[in-house]
């Protein structure tokens, strides 16, 4: 069966290829910051526990999907404000290495 002119076998082969390269659920890399919101329905598919010291995680209480990437507003929760600070601090640390 095909969708968009791509055979399902080709899709599965490319998924296996990407998992072999990037590690799938056992990803081991560096400078990846896994940020998840408590009410984000996608968090169940994300990394919630740091795989290693080079890949930190952050749990943002009360936040939805990518809420910390939206424009800052005076109505933002303290958790979102703190998440932005932690993200920025981590990125600056990596850039200074």
N, C-alpha and C. Protein backbone atom coordinates (compact mmCIF):
# COMPACT_ATOMS: atom_id res chain seq x y z
N UNK A 1 0.84 -1.17 0.00
CA UNK A 1 0.00 0.00 0.00
C UNK A 1 0.90 1.25 0.00
N UNK A 2 0.43 2.29 -0.65
CA UNK A 2 1.21 3.52 -0.71
C UNK A 2 0.37 4.72 -0.30
N UNK A 3 1.03 5.70 0.23
CA UNK A 3 0.45 7.01 0.49
C UNK A 3 1.44 8.03 -0.05
N UNK A 4 0.93 9.03 -0.72
CA UNK A 4 1.78 10.05 -1.32
C UNK A 4 2.81 9.44 -2.27
N UNK A 5 2.48 8.28 -2.83
CA UNK A 5 3.39 7.63 -3.77
C UNK A 5 4.59 6.96 -3.10
N UNK A 6 4.52 6.75 -1.79
CA UNK A 6 5.63 6.12 -1.05
C UNK A 6 5.13 4.80 -0.47
N UNK A 7 5.81 3.73 -0.78
CA UNK A 7 5.43 2.41 -0.27
C UNK A 7 5.68 2.34 1.23
N UNK A 8 4.79 1.65 1.94
CA UNK A 8 4.94 1.53 3.40
C UNK A 8 6.26 0.87 3.77
N UNK A 9 6.75 -0.04 2.97
CA UNK A 9 8.04 -0.68 3.25
C UNK A 9 9.17 0.34 3.25
N UNK A 10 9.08 1.31 2.34
CA UNK A 10 10.10 2.37 2.30
C UNK A 10 10.02 3.26 3.54
N UNK A 11 8.81 3.53 3.99
CA UNK A 11 8.64 4.35 5.20
C UNK A 11 9.27 3.63 6.38
N UNK A 12 8.96 2.34 6.57
CA UNK A 12 9.51 1.58 7.69
C UNK A 12 11.04 1.47 7.60
N UNK A 13 11.56 1.34 6.40
CA UNK A 13 13.01 1.28 6.23
C UNK A 13 13.66 2.60 6.64
N UNK A 14 13.04 3.71 6.30
CA UNK A 14 13.60 5.01 6.67
C UNK A 14 13.48 5.27 8.17
N UNK A 15 12.41 4.79 8.78
CA UNK A 15 12.28 4.90 10.24
C UNK A 15 13.39 4.11 10.92
N UNK A 16 13.62 2.89 10.47
CA UNK A 16 14.69 2.06 11.04
C UNK A 16 16.04 2.73 10.85
N UNK A 17 16.26 3.34 9.69
CA UNK A 17 17.50 4.05 9.42
C UNK A 17 17.69 5.21 10.40
N UNK A 18 16.65 6.02 10.59
CA UNK A 18 16.74 7.16 11.50
C UNK A 18 16.98 6.69 12.93
N UNK A 19 16.33 5.62 13.34
CA UNK A 19 16.53 5.10 14.70
C UNK A 19 17.95 4.58 14.87
N UNK A 20 18.50 3.95 13.84
CA UNK A 20 19.88 3.46 13.92
C UNK A 20 20.86 4.62 14.05
N UNK A 21 20.60 5.71 13.33
CA UNK A 21 21.50 6.87 13.37
C UNK A 21 21.37 7.64 14.68
N UNK A 22 20.13 7.91 15.10
CA UNK A 22 19.88 8.80 16.24
C UNK A 22 19.60 8.10 17.56
N UNK A 23 19.41 6.79 17.54
CA UNK A 23 19.26 6.06 18.79
C UNK A 23 17.84 5.75 19.21
N UNK A 24 16.85 6.23 18.48
CA UNK A 24 15.47 5.93 18.84
C UNK A 24 15.17 6.34 20.27
N UNK A 25 14.59 5.45 21.05
CA UNK A 25 14.27 5.74 22.45
C UNK A 25 15.51 5.69 23.34
N UNK A 26 16.62 5.23 22.82
CA UNK A 26 17.87 5.16 23.59
C UNK A 26 18.88 6.17 23.07
N UNK A 27 18.39 7.36 22.73
CA UNK A 27 19.25 8.40 22.16
C UNK A 27 20.41 8.71 23.10
N UNK A 28 21.58 8.84 22.52
CA UNK A 28 22.78 9.23 23.25
C UNK A 28 23.47 10.29 22.40
N UNK A 29 23.43 11.50 22.86
CA UNK A 29 23.99 12.60 22.09
C UNK A 29 24.52 13.65 23.04
N UNK A 30 24.55 14.86 22.60
CA UNK A 30 24.95 15.97 23.46
C UNK A 30 24.21 17.22 23.01
N UNK A 31 24.07 18.13 23.94
CA UNK A 31 23.45 19.43 23.67
C UNK A 31 22.04 19.34 23.13
N UNK A 32 21.27 18.43 23.69
CA UNK A 32 19.85 18.36 23.42
C UNK A 32 19.15 18.65 24.74
N UNK A 33 18.26 19.60 24.75
CA UNK A 33 17.52 19.95 25.96
C UNK A 33 16.06 19.56 25.72
N UNK A 34 15.62 18.53 26.42
CA UNK A 34 14.25 18.04 26.27
C UNK A 34 13.35 18.79 27.25
N UNK A 35 12.56 19.72 26.74
CA UNK A 35 11.67 20.52 27.57
C UNK A 35 10.24 20.06 27.31
N UNK A 36 9.52 19.75 28.38
CA UNK A 36 8.17 19.22 28.27
C UNK A 36 7.21 19.96 29.18
N UNK A 37 6.01 20.17 28.68
CA UNK A 37 4.96 20.78 29.47
C UNK A 37 4.06 19.74 30.10
N UNK A 38 3.66 20.02 31.32
CA UNK A 38 2.83 19.08 32.08
C UNK A 38 1.52 18.74 31.37
N UNK A 39 0.90 19.73 30.72
CA UNK A 39 -0.39 19.46 30.07
C UNK A 39 -0.26 19.32 28.55
N UNK A 40 0.96 19.10 28.10
CA UNK A 40 1.21 18.85 26.68
C UNK A 40 0.91 17.38 26.40
N UNK A 41 -0.05 17.09 25.54
CA UNK A 41 -0.37 15.69 25.28
C UNK A 41 0.79 14.93 24.62
N UNK A 42 1.74 15.64 24.03
CA UNK A 42 2.87 14.99 23.37
C UNK A 42 3.97 14.59 24.34
N UNK A 43 3.92 15.02 25.58
CA UNK A 43 5.02 14.71 26.50
C UNK A 43 5.21 13.21 26.69
N UNK A 44 4.14 12.44 26.50
CA UNK A 44 4.26 10.99 26.64
C UNK A 44 5.20 10.39 25.61
N UNK A 45 5.42 11.08 24.51
CA UNK A 45 6.32 10.59 23.45
C UNK A 45 7.70 11.23 23.53
N UNK A 46 7.95 11.98 24.57
CA UNK A 46 9.22 12.69 24.66
C UNK A 46 10.16 12.00 25.65
N UNK A 47 11.30 12.60 25.81
CA UNK A 47 12.29 12.14 26.78
C UNK A 47 12.02 12.90 28.07
N UNK A 48 11.73 12.18 29.14
CA UNK A 48 11.40 12.81 30.42
C UNK A 48 12.50 12.66 31.47
N UNK A 49 13.35 11.67 31.26
CA UNK A 49 14.48 11.43 32.16
C UNK A 49 15.75 11.64 31.36
N UNK A 50 16.69 12.43 31.87
CA UNK A 50 17.91 12.69 31.09
C UNK A 50 18.64 11.39 30.72
N UNK A 51 18.91 11.18 29.44
CA UNK A 51 19.64 9.98 29.02
C UNK A 51 21.10 10.00 29.48
N UNK A 52 21.64 11.21 29.63
CA UNK A 52 23.02 11.39 30.08
C UNK A 52 23.19 12.85 30.51
N UNK A 53 24.35 13.22 31.01
CA UNK A 53 24.54 14.58 31.52
C UNK A 53 24.55 15.63 30.42
N UNK A 54 24.75 15.22 29.18
CA UNK A 54 24.77 16.15 28.05
C UNK A 54 23.39 16.43 27.48
N UNK A 55 22.37 15.72 27.98
CA UNK A 55 21.01 15.87 27.48
C UNK A 55 20.04 16.10 28.64
N UNK A 56 19.99 17.32 29.15
CA UNK A 56 19.11 17.58 30.29
C UNK A 56 17.63 17.59 29.89
N UNK A 57 16.80 17.45 30.88
CA UNK A 57 15.35 17.55 30.68
C UNK A 57 14.82 18.64 31.60
N UNK A 58 13.66 19.15 31.24
CA UNK A 58 13.00 20.17 32.05
C UNK A 58 11.51 19.91 31.99
N UNK A 59 10.87 19.86 33.14
CA UNK A 59 9.43 19.66 33.26
C UNK A 59 8.83 21.00 33.62
N UNK A 60 7.91 21.50 32.80
CA UNK A 60 7.30 22.81 33.03
C UNK A 60 5.87 22.59 33.52
N UNK A 61 5.68 22.78 34.80
CA UNK A 61 4.37 22.56 35.42
C UNK A 61 3.33 23.51 34.84
N UNK A 62 2.19 22.96 34.50
CA UNK A 62 1.06 23.75 34.02
C UNK A 62 1.18 24.26 32.60
N UNK A 63 2.24 23.89 31.89
CA UNK A 63 2.47 24.42 30.53
C UNK A 63 1.98 23.44 29.48
N UNK A 64 1.54 24.00 28.36
CA UNK A 64 1.13 23.18 27.23
C UNK A 64 2.30 23.10 26.24
N UNK A 65 2.03 22.54 25.09
CA UNK A 65 3.05 22.29 24.07
C UNK A 65 3.78 23.57 23.65
N UNK A 66 5.07 23.62 23.89
CA UNK A 66 5.95 24.73 23.48
C UNK A 66 5.50 26.10 24.00
N UNK A 67 4.83 26.15 25.12
CA UNK A 67 4.35 27.42 25.64
C UNK A 67 5.49 28.40 25.88
N UNK A 68 6.65 27.88 26.26
CA UNK A 68 7.83 28.71 26.56
C UNK A 68 8.45 29.31 25.31
N UNK A 69 8.02 28.85 24.11
CA UNK A 69 8.56 29.43 22.87
C UNK A 69 7.68 30.56 22.34
N UNK A 70 6.56 30.78 22.97
CA UNK A 70 5.68 31.88 22.55
C UNK A 70 6.24 33.21 23.05
N UNK A 71 5.74 34.27 22.50
CA UNK A 71 6.13 35.61 22.93
C UNK A 71 5.85 35.77 24.43
N UNK A 72 6.78 36.40 25.14
CA UNK A 72 6.60 36.65 26.57
C UNK A 72 5.46 37.64 26.78
N UNK A 73 4.63 37.32 27.75
CA UNK A 73 3.50 38.17 28.10
C UNK A 73 3.45 38.38 29.61
N UNK A 74 2.90 39.48 30.05
CA UNK A 74 2.79 39.71 31.50
C UNK A 74 1.93 38.66 32.21
N UNK A 75 1.10 37.96 31.47
CA UNK A 75 0.23 36.95 32.05
C UNK A 75 0.87 35.56 32.12
N UNK A 76 2.12 35.42 31.66
CA UNK A 76 2.80 34.13 31.71
C UNK A 76 2.95 33.67 33.15
N UNK A 77 2.80 32.36 33.34
CA UNK A 77 2.99 31.81 34.69
C UNK A 77 4.46 31.90 35.08
N UNK A 78 4.72 31.86 36.36
CA UNK A 78 6.10 31.89 36.84
C UNK A 78 6.87 30.67 36.34
N UNK A 79 6.19 29.53 36.21
CA UNK A 79 6.84 28.31 35.72
C UNK A 79 7.35 28.50 34.29
N UNK A 80 6.56 29.17 33.45
CA UNK A 80 6.98 29.42 32.07
C UNK A 80 8.12 30.43 32.03
N UNK A 81 8.04 31.46 32.84
CA UNK A 81 9.12 32.46 32.93
C UNK A 81 10.41 31.76 33.37
N UNK A 82 10.32 30.93 34.39
CA UNK A 82 11.50 30.20 34.87
C UNK A 82 12.04 29.24 33.82
N UNK A 83 11.15 28.60 33.07
CA UNK A 83 11.59 27.68 32.01
C UNK A 83 12.38 28.44 30.95
N UNK A 84 11.89 29.60 30.55
CA UNK A 84 12.63 30.39 29.56
C UNK A 84 14.02 30.75 30.08
N UNK A 85 14.10 31.12 31.35
CA UNK A 85 15.40 31.46 31.95
C UNK A 85 16.33 30.25 31.94
N UNK A 86 15.81 29.08 32.30
CA UNK A 86 16.64 27.86 32.32
C UNK A 86 17.09 27.47 30.92
N UNK A 87 16.19 27.59 29.96
CA UNK A 87 16.54 27.26 28.57
C UNK A 87 17.64 28.20 28.08
N UNK A 88 17.44 29.48 28.29
CA UNK A 88 18.43 30.47 27.84
C UNK A 88 19.77 30.24 28.53
N UNK A 89 19.75 29.97 29.82
CA UNK A 89 20.98 29.71 30.56
C UNK A 89 21.71 28.49 30.00
N UNK A 90 20.96 27.43 29.69
CA UNK A 90 21.58 26.24 29.14
C UNK A 90 22.19 26.51 27.76
N UNK A 91 21.46 27.21 26.91
CA UNK A 91 21.97 27.52 25.57
C UNK A 91 23.23 28.37 25.67
N UNK A 92 23.21 29.38 26.53
CA UNK A 92 24.41 30.23 26.70
C UNK A 92 25.59 29.42 27.18
N UNK A 93 25.35 28.48 28.09
CA UNK A 93 26.42 27.62 28.58
C UNK A 93 27.03 26.80 27.46
N UNK A 94 26.18 26.22 26.62
CA UNK A 94 26.68 25.45 25.49
C UNK A 94 27.45 26.32 24.49
N UNK A 95 26.96 27.52 24.24
CA UNK A 95 27.62 28.41 23.29
C UNK A 95 28.98 28.89 23.80
N UNK A 96 29.11 28.95 25.10
CA UNK A 96 30.38 29.40 25.70
C UNK A 96 31.42 28.29 25.78
N UNK A 97 31.05 27.08 25.45
CA UNK A 97 32.02 25.96 25.53
C UNK A 97 32.93 25.95 24.32
